[in-house]
Amino acid sequence: MGANMKRKHIIQLAHPMREMLAEVVFGLKDFELAKSSLSLVVPNRNTPQTHSKPSFCHLFIIRILSMVAKLQKKIGLINFRFYAGRSCDLLVAHGGFLVTNKPYVTYIEKATQIYGYTAKNYNKHLSIFLIKSFLKSKRLKKILFLSDAAFRGMLNISSFDRETKALIKSKGVVVYPPIRRPKKSSFSRFGDELTCVRFLYISNDFYGKGGLELLHAFSRLKNEVKNIQLVLVTSIQSIRSEHYQNVANTAGVELHDFIFTREELFEKFFDRCHIFCYPTYSDSFSAVINEAISSCMPIITTDFYAIPERVKDGYNGYVCASPFVNYDEHYVIYSEHFTDQPDFYEKIRIFQESGRSQYIEEFLYEKMKLLAMDRKVLYQMALNSKNIFREHIDPDETRRRLNELFIESVKKST
């Protein structure tokens, strides 16, 4: 190495979800991944997978982990891991804290993630003590919150004292995870040559993300507006038979199984459709929203958690009030995370069959019709999404910020 060449700092990923963290640090200017962080395989969803019978050891480990998770919720133990960093300058964790010999930063999706996705431990003395101890640790350099909702949701937990909240403020920063697109999206599809408006829905959770309500709204709209299509990318196996027949019998609906790579999703769907519909009932960060915005799409969605940070009602889309309210005005979760409960999907089914989802369908119908009929509004909202992407989501700017934050973290530890 030449005398004038600056050595790149080494980042090691301290979490099993390494493919997610690899996306975060991919392409940073002054950093490279440790070799141990690169030894991961992300299977192509188009490749058939073979499933062997789990061994006794495997089943035993799953049983132990399940018992640990139950114990965690009972006694108030928060998420943390023991991790010995080797040849690296900085560790990157996700969803909790580290007991380690190296400086580290951690990514937090929402506050309940630290508590094992339950709010019951917010007021337990053990969790309060542990969180404050980890926040005071000199090893923890930064907490990277995936959204402002996550930041405020943790900052406003009522059981935290003034010192704990000050530590969260000093170490916390909101950084959206960068999007790795195969190429920039073309805006030309929103021009004068647009003849058929294509609505897009992408989620492997057809019922939890409002796919059924969208199908009903489109079926009604198709009787009035001819030059429209609805593209559904979802888990076909999860759609109940009676609703699958609705899909098959509705003109203008194009159904695809949820089997595509990220690159294929952009090429085949995001960059070929015009409006993204995502009336979700449960979400945290909703990365798919950022992907749709990166393709300059107006978005029709609900106001769940962090979504309104990027979808401004009447500006780059339309936002409807969610029927399931999990958080107060400070983004602190109510007594228990309703959408993480085992019977959540049963509650959605009852909600739909009772007719209470009708207002969601009406909202979708009205806003889809408006955008399909008024090409000037569609064009302007697409332009506004393009602006939001450039100002708040652009991956080059995000990685520049991450690079600066990581450099600062490494310097503080030397």
Foldseek 3Di string as FASTA:
>chain_A
DDPPDDAAFEEEEDEPVLVLVCLQQPPFDRYDYDPVSVPDDDDALVDDDDDDDDDPVRVVVVVVVVVVLVVLLVQLPWDEEEDEDDRGLEYEAEQEYYDYPHAYEYEYLADCSRSSQKPQNLQHPVNQVVLQVRLPDLSYQAYEYQFPLRLLQVLPSPNHDPVSSVSSVVRYDYFHRADDEPDAADLCCLDPVPDAAEEEEEDQDCLQFPVLLLLVLVLVLCVPDPRYAYEYEYAPVPDDPVVVVSQVPRPRYHYHYNRHDPHCCVVVPLRPHAAYETAGQDDGNPVVLLVNLSNLHQYEYEPPRRVCVQHPDLQLYHYHHHPDDQADPSSHGPNTRLCPDPCNSVVSVVCVVVPVCVVVSVSSNVRVVVCRPDSVSSSRSSVRSPVSCVPRHPNVVSSVVVSVSVVVSSVSVD
